[in-house]
């Protein structure tokens, strides 16, 4: 799916994750997703170690401070590359990496509180 077309317009909590995908807004999606204020998009990154700055350009273009990104890196926490971290610092956008399960839970809590948040979530089995 083209990352510029919203799979789901607007924000929605993540109802379930695992088995290679996610459930949200009474829908299911197989593969990784970007949860941005403008919508939930398919995301082609399949592993935290694969993510590049290019993969996160859509996020950097969509977010404005004080928003921040929760980066769900798969089954385990993987810290982003220095290039990615530096780009988020330069944009004054927070970046928190954690396992996808922890990222889904954190995203849902912050979304429920009405806080400015986005998530890049790598699908897990």
N, C-alpha and C. Protein backbone atom coordinates (compact mmCIF):
# COMPACT_ATOMS: atom_id res chain seq x y z
N UNK A 1 0.84 -1.18 0.00
CA UNK A 1 0.00 0.00 0.00
C UNK A 1 0.88 1.24 0.00
N UNK A 2 0.47 2.25 -0.73
CA UNK A 2 1.18 3.53 -0.81
C UNK A 2 1.09 4.23 0.54
N UNK A 3 2.24 4.60 1.11
CA UNK A 3 2.26 5.25 2.42
C UNK A 3 1.63 6.63 2.43
N UNK A 4 1.30 7.20 1.28
CA UNK A 4 0.69 8.52 1.26
C UNK A 4 -0.83 8.46 1.34
N UNK A 5 -1.41 7.28 1.21
CA UNK A 5 -2.86 7.12 1.29
C UNK A 5 -3.19 6.52 2.66
N UNK A 6 -4.06 7.18 3.40
CA UNK A 6 -4.42 6.69 4.74
C UNK A 6 -5.16 5.37 4.61
N UNK A 7 -4.72 4.40 5.37
CA UNK A 7 -5.45 3.14 5.46
C UNK A 7 -6.71 3.38 6.27
N UNK A 8 -6.58 4.22 7.28
CA UNK A 8 -7.70 4.63 8.12
C UNK A 8 -7.51 6.12 8.42
N UNK A 9 -8.46 6.97 8.07
CA UNK A 9 -8.28 8.41 8.32
C UNK A 9 -8.48 8.74 9.79
N UNK A 10 -7.58 9.52 10.36
CA UNK A 10 -7.69 9.92 11.76
C UNK A 10 -6.96 8.97 12.69
N UNK A 11 -7.05 9.25 13.97
CA UNK A 11 -6.39 8.43 14.99
C UNK A 11 -7.34 7.39 15.55
N UNK A 12 -6.79 6.25 15.94
CA UNK A 12 -7.57 5.19 16.57
C UNK A 12 -6.64 4.38 17.47
N UNK A 13 -7.16 3.90 18.61
CA UNK A 13 -6.33 3.05 19.46
C UNK A 13 -6.07 1.70 18.78
N UNK A 14 -5.00 1.07 19.18
CA UNK A 14 -4.66 -0.27 18.70
C UNK A 14 -5.39 -1.27 19.59
N UNK A 15 -6.30 -2.04 19.01
CA UNK A 15 -7.09 -3.01 19.77
C UNK A 15 -6.34 -4.32 20.01
N UNK A 16 -5.49 -4.71 19.06
CA UNK A 16 -4.73 -5.95 19.20
C UNK A 16 -3.53 -5.89 18.27
N UNK A 17 -2.50 -6.67 18.63
CA UNK A 17 -1.31 -6.77 17.79
C UNK A 17 -0.81 -8.20 17.88
N UNK A 18 -0.07 -8.62 16.89
CA UNK A 18 0.47 -9.98 16.84
C UNK A 18 0.01 -10.68 15.57
N UNK A 19 0.49 -11.90 15.38
CA UNK A 19 0.17 -12.67 14.18
C UNK A 19 0.47 -11.88 12.91
N UNK A 20 1.52 -11.04 12.99
CA UNK A 20 1.97 -10.31 11.83
C UNK A 20 1.20 -9.06 11.48
N UNK A 21 0.36 -8.57 12.41
CA UNK A 21 -0.42 -7.38 12.08
C UNK A 21 -1.05 -6.71 13.28
N UNK A 22 -2.08 -5.90 13.00
CA UNK A 22 -2.73 -5.08 14.01
C UNK A 22 -4.23 -5.04 13.77
N UNK A 23 -4.99 -4.81 14.85
CA UNK A 23 -6.43 -4.53 14.76
C UNK A 23 -6.66 -3.15 15.34
N UNK A 24 -7.46 -2.35 14.64
CA UNK A 24 -7.83 -1.01 15.08
C UNK A 24 -9.09 -0.61 14.34
N UNK A 25 -9.94 0.17 15.00
CA UNK A 25 -11.16 0.72 14.38
C UNK A 25 -11.98 -0.35 13.66
N UNK A 26 -12.16 -1.51 14.28
CA UNK A 26 -12.91 -2.62 13.70
C UNK A 26 -12.34 -3.11 12.38
N UNK A 27 -11.04 -2.89 12.18
CA UNK A 27 -10.36 -3.33 10.97
C UNK A 27 -9.12 -4.12 11.38
N UNK A 28 -8.58 -4.87 10.43
CA UNK A 28 -7.31 -5.53 10.68
C UNK A 28 -6.37 -5.24 9.51
N UNK A 29 -5.08 -5.24 9.82
CA UNK A 29 -4.06 -4.97 8.81
C UNK A 29 -2.89 -5.90 9.06
N UNK A 30 -2.43 -6.57 8.03
CA UNK A 30 -1.25 -7.42 8.13
C UNK A 30 -0.04 -6.59 7.72
N UNK A 31 0.97 -6.53 8.58
CA UNK A 31 2.17 -5.77 8.32
C UNK A 31 2.31 -4.61 9.28
N UNK A 32 3.35 -3.83 9.12
CA UNK A 32 3.66 -2.71 10.01
C UNK A 32 2.81 -1.50 9.64
N UNK A 33 2.68 -0.57 10.62
CA UNK A 33 1.85 0.61 10.40
C UNK A 33 2.48 1.87 10.99
N UNK A 34 2.09 3.01 10.42
CA UNK A 34 2.39 4.32 10.98
C UNK A 34 1.08 4.91 11.47
N UNK A 35 1.04 5.31 12.72
CA UNK A 35 -0.14 5.95 13.30
C UNK A 35 0.17 7.44 13.47
N UNK A 36 -0.36 8.24 12.56
CA UNK A 36 -0.11 9.67 12.56
C UNK A 36 -1.41 10.42 12.84
N UNK A 37 -1.36 11.68 13.22
CA UNK A 37 -2.60 12.42 13.45
C UNK A 37 -3.53 12.43 12.23
N UNK A 38 -2.96 12.35 11.03
CA UNK A 38 -3.76 12.37 9.80
C UNK A 38 -4.36 11.03 9.43
N UNK A 39 -3.88 9.95 10.03
CA UNK A 39 -4.41 8.64 9.70
C UNK A 39 -3.45 7.53 10.04
N UNK A 40 -3.90 6.30 9.80
CA UNK A 40 -3.06 5.12 10.01
C UNK A 40 -2.70 4.59 8.64
N UNK A 41 -1.40 4.43 8.40
CA UNK A 41 -0.88 4.08 7.10
C UNK A 41 -0.13 2.76 7.14
N UNK A 42 -0.17 2.02 6.04
CA UNK A 42 0.69 0.84 5.89
C UNK A 42 2.14 1.32 5.87
N UNK A 43 3.03 0.52 6.43
CA UNK A 43 4.45 0.88 6.49
C UNK A 43 5.25 -0.33 6.10
N UNK A 44 6.19 -0.19 5.19
CA UNK A 44 6.90 -1.34 4.62
C UNK A 44 8.03 -1.90 5.48
N UNK A 45 8.39 -1.26 6.57
CA UNK A 45 9.49 -1.74 7.42
C UNK A 45 9.05 -2.99 8.18
N UNK A 46 9.87 -4.04 8.11
CA UNK A 46 9.52 -5.32 8.74
C UNK A 46 10.35 -5.65 9.97
N UNK A 47 11.43 -4.90 10.22
CA UNK A 47 12.28 -5.16 11.39
C UNK A 47 12.90 -3.86 11.86
N UNK A 48 13.07 -3.73 13.18
CA UNK A 48 13.64 -2.51 13.75
C UNK A 48 15.02 -2.20 13.23
N UNK A 49 15.78 -3.23 12.91
CA UNK A 49 17.13 -3.01 12.40
C UNK A 49 17.12 -2.51 10.96
N UNK A 50 15.99 -2.64 10.26
CA UNK A 50 15.88 -2.20 8.86
C UNK A 50 15.53 -0.72 8.73
N UNK A 51 14.97 -0.12 9.76
CA UNK A 51 14.46 1.25 9.66
C UNK A 51 15.57 2.24 9.34
N UNK A 52 15.31 3.07 8.33
CA UNK A 52 16.26 4.11 7.94
C UNK A 52 15.60 5.47 8.10
N UNK A 53 16.38 6.50 8.00
CA UNK A 53 15.83 7.85 8.07
C UNK A 53 14.81 8.06 6.95
N UNK A 54 15.06 7.52 5.80
CA UNK A 54 14.11 7.63 4.68
C UNK A 54 12.75 7.03 5.04
N UNK A 55 12.75 5.92 5.78
CA UNK A 55 11.50 5.27 6.19
C UNK A 55 10.68 6.14 7.14
N UNK A 56 11.33 7.08 7.81
CA UNK A 56 10.65 7.92 8.79
C UNK A 56 10.44 9.36 8.31
N UNK A 57 10.75 9.64 7.05
CA UNK A 57 10.56 11.00 6.52
C UNK A 57 9.10 11.43 6.57
N UNK A 58 8.17 10.51 6.29
CA UNK A 58 6.74 10.84 6.36
C UNK A 58 6.37 11.28 7.77
N UNK A 59 6.94 10.64 8.76
CA UNK A 59 6.67 10.99 10.15
C UNK A 59 7.22 12.38 10.46
N UNK A 60 8.46 12.63 10.08
CA UNK A 60 9.07 13.93 10.35
C UNK A 60 8.31 15.06 9.66
N UNK A 61 7.76 14.78 8.48
CA UNK A 61 6.98 15.79 7.77
C UNK A 61 5.61 16.03 8.36
N UNK A 62 5.08 15.02 9.06
CA UNK A 62 3.71 15.10 9.57
C UNK A 62 3.62 15.66 10.99
N UNK A 63 4.69 15.53 11.77
CA UNK A 63 4.63 15.92 13.18
C UNK A 63 5.23 17.29 13.42
N UNK A 64 4.67 17.97 14.38
CA UNK A 64 5.18 19.27 14.83
C UNK A 64 5.35 19.21 16.34
N UNK A 65 6.39 19.85 16.87
CA UNK A 65 6.57 19.87 18.33
C UNK A 65 5.32 20.42 19.00
N UNK A 66 4.86 19.89 20.11
CA UNK A 66 5.52 18.95 21.01
C UNK A 66 5.17 17.49 20.74
N UNK A 67 4.68 17.15 19.56
CA UNK A 67 4.37 15.76 19.26
C UNK A 67 5.63 14.92 19.35
N UNK A 68 5.43 13.63 19.56
CA UNK A 68 6.57 12.73 19.56
C UNK A 68 6.17 11.39 18.99
N UNK A 69 7.17 10.61 18.63
CA UNK A 69 6.96 9.31 18.01
C UNK A 69 7.34 8.20 18.96
N UNK A 70 6.44 7.26 19.11
CA UNK A 70 6.73 6.02 19.81
C UNK A 70 7.09 5.01 18.72
N UNK A 71 8.27 4.46 18.80
CA UNK A 71 8.79 3.56 17.77
C UNK A 71 8.77 2.14 18.32
N UNK A 72 7.82 1.34 17.86
CA UNK A 72 7.72 -0.07 18.25
C UNK A 72 8.60 -0.90 17.35
N UNK A 73 9.70 -1.39 17.88
CA UNK A 73 10.77 -1.99 17.07
C UNK A 73 10.69 -3.50 16.91
N UNK A 74 9.58 -4.12 17.24
CA UNK A 74 9.45 -5.57 17.10
C UNK A 74 9.36 -6.24 18.46
N UNK A 75 9.84 -7.47 18.54
CA UNK A 75 9.74 -8.23 19.78
C UNK A 75 10.63 -7.69 20.90
N UNK A 76 11.68 -6.98 20.52
CA UNK A 76 12.61 -6.42 21.51
C UNK A 76 12.86 -4.95 21.19
N UNK A 77 13.35 -4.25 22.18
CA UNK A 77 13.70 -2.84 21.99
C UNK A 77 15.00 -2.75 21.19
N UNK A 78 14.96 -1.97 20.13
CA UNK A 78 16.15 -1.72 19.31
C UNK A 78 16.28 -0.21 19.20
N UNK A 79 17.41 0.31 19.58
CA UNK A 79 17.59 1.76 19.52
C UNK A 79 17.79 2.20 18.08
N UNK A 80 17.20 3.33 17.70
CA UNK A 80 17.36 3.83 16.33
C UNK A 80 18.80 4.25 16.06
N UNK A 81 19.14 4.29 14.80
CA UNK A 81 20.50 4.70 14.40
C UNK A 81 20.76 6.14 14.83
N UNK A 82 22.04 6.50 14.96
CA UNK A 82 22.36 7.90 15.29
C UNK A 82 21.79 8.88 14.26
N UNK A 83 21.74 8.49 13.00
CA UNK A 83 21.18 9.35 11.95
C UNK A 83 19.69 9.65 12.22
N UNK A 84 18.93 8.62 12.58
CA UNK A 84 17.51 8.81 12.89
C UNK A 84 17.35 9.65 14.14
N UNK A 85 18.07 9.31 15.19
CA UNK A 85 17.98 10.06 16.44
C UNK A 85 18.31 11.53 16.23
N UNK A 86 19.36 11.81 15.48
CA UNK A 86 19.78 13.18 15.21
C UNK A 86 18.72 13.96 14.44
N UNK A 87 18.08 13.33 13.47
CA UNK A 87 17.03 14.00 12.69
C UNK A 87 15.85 14.39 13.56
N UNK A 88 15.49 13.54 14.51
CA UNK A 88 14.38 13.86 15.41
C UNK A 88 14.77 14.96 16.38
N UNK A 89 16.01 14.95 16.86
CA UNK A 89 16.48 16.02 17.74
C UNK A 89 16.45 17.35 16.99
N UNK A 90 16.94 17.37 15.76
CA UNK A 90 16.98 18.59 14.96
C UNK A 90 15.57 19.12 14.68
N UNK A 91 14.59 18.22 14.57
CA UNK A 91 13.20 18.62 14.32
C UNK A 91 12.46 18.96 15.62
N UNK A 92 13.12 18.79 16.76
CA UNK A 92 12.51 19.00 18.09
C UNK A 92 11.28 18.11 18.30
N UNK A 93 11.38 16.89 17.78
CA UNK A 93 10.31 15.89 17.94
C UNK A 93 10.90 14.73 18.75
N UNK A 94 10.23 14.38 19.83
CA UNK A 94 10.70 13.30 20.68
C UNK A 94 10.62 11.96 19.97
N UNK A 95 11.49 11.05 20.36
CA UNK A 95 11.54 9.71 19.79
C UNK A 95 11.82 8.73 20.91
N UNK A 96 10.91 7.79 21.12
CA UNK A 96 11.07 6.76 22.15
C UNK A 96 10.95 5.40 21.51
N UNK A 97 12.00 4.60 21.58
CA UNK A 97 11.99 3.25 21.03
C UNK A 97 11.69 2.24 22.13
N UNK A 98 10.85 1.27 21.81
CA UNK A 98 10.49 0.20 22.74
C UNK A 98 9.95 -0.98 21.94
N UNK A 99 9.74 -2.09 22.58
CA UNK A 99 9.16 -3.23 21.87
C UNK A 99 7.77 -2.83 21.35
N UNK A 100 7.31 -3.53 20.33
CA UNK A 100 6.01 -3.18 19.74
C UNK A 100 4.88 -3.32 20.75
N UNK A 101 4.90 -4.33 21.59
CA UNK A 101 3.84 -4.48 22.60
C UNK A 101 3.79 -3.29 23.53
N UNK A 102 4.94 -2.89 24.05
CA UNK A 102 5.00 -1.73 24.94
C UNK A 102 4.60 -0.46 24.19
N UNK A 103 4.99 -0.36 22.94
CA UNK A 103 4.64 0.82 22.14
C UNK A 103 3.14 0.92 21.93
N UNK A 104 2.48 -0.19 21.65
CA UNK A 104 1.02 -0.18 21.47
C UNK A 104 0.32 0.27 22.75
N UNK A 105 0.74 -0.27 23.87
CA UNK A 105 0.12 0.10 25.15
C UNK A 105 0.35 1.57 25.47
N UNK A 106 1.57 2.04 25.28
CA UNK A 106 1.90 3.44 25.56
C UNK A 106 1.13 4.37 24.62
N UNK A 107 1.09 4.03 23.35
CA UNK A 107 0.35 4.83 22.37
C UNK A 107 -1.12 4.96 22.77
N UNK A 108 -1.73 3.84 23.14
CA UNK A 108 -3.14 3.87 23.52
C UNK A 108 -3.39 4.75 24.74
N UNK A 109 -2.52 4.68 25.73
CA UNK A 109 -2.68 5.50 26.93
C UNK A 109 -2.57 6.98 26.58
N UNK A 110 -1.54 7.34 25.84
CA UNK A 110 -1.33 8.75 25.49
C UNK A 110 -2.43 9.26 24.56
N UNK A 111 -2.87 8.45 23.63
CA UNK A 111 -3.97 8.83 22.75
C UNK A 111 -5.24 9.05 23.56
N UNK A 112 -5.50 8.15 24.51
CA UNK A 112 -6.68 8.27 25.38
C UNK A 112 -6.65 9.52 26.24
N UNK A 113 -5.45 9.98 26.58
CA UNK A 113 -5.30 11.21 27.37
C UNK A 113 -5.37 12.45 26.49
N UNK A 114 -5.49 12.28 25.19
CA UNK A 114 -5.55 13.41 24.28
C UNK A 114 -4.21 14.08 24.05
N UNK A 115 -3.13 13.37 24.32
CA UNK A 115 -1.79 13.95 24.14
C UNK A 115 -1.34 13.83 22.69
N UNK A 116 -0.49 14.74 22.24
CA UNK A 116 -0.01 14.68 20.85
C UNK A 116 1.01 13.56 20.69
N UNK A 117 0.63 12.50 19.98
CA UNK A 117 1.49 11.33 19.87
C UNK A 117 1.29 10.67 18.51
N UNK A 118 2.34 10.00 18.05
CA UNK A 118 2.29 9.19 16.84
C UNK A 118 3.06 7.91 17.13
N UNK A 119 2.86 6.91 16.30
CA UNK A 119 3.58 5.65 16.51
C UNK A 119 3.99 5.04 15.16
N UNK A 120 5.17 4.47 15.15
CA UNK A 120 5.65 3.66 14.04
C UNK A 120 5.78 2.25 14.62
N UNK A 121 4.92 1.34 14.16
CA UNK A 121 4.81 0.04 14.82
C UNK A 121 5.17 -1.09 13.85
N UNK A 122 6.21 -1.84 14.20
CA UNK A 122 6.63 -2.97 13.40
C UNK A 122 5.84 -4.20 13.85
N UNK A 123 5.23 -4.88 12.89
CA UNK A 123 4.41 -6.05 13.19
C UNK A 123 5.24 -7.17 13.79
N UNK A 124 4.62 -7.90 14.72
CA UNK A 124 5.26 -9.05 15.36
C UNK A 124 4.36 -10.27 15.22
N UNK A 125 4.96 -11.43 15.31
CA UNK A 125 4.18 -12.68 15.26
C UNK A 125 3.66 -12.96 16.62
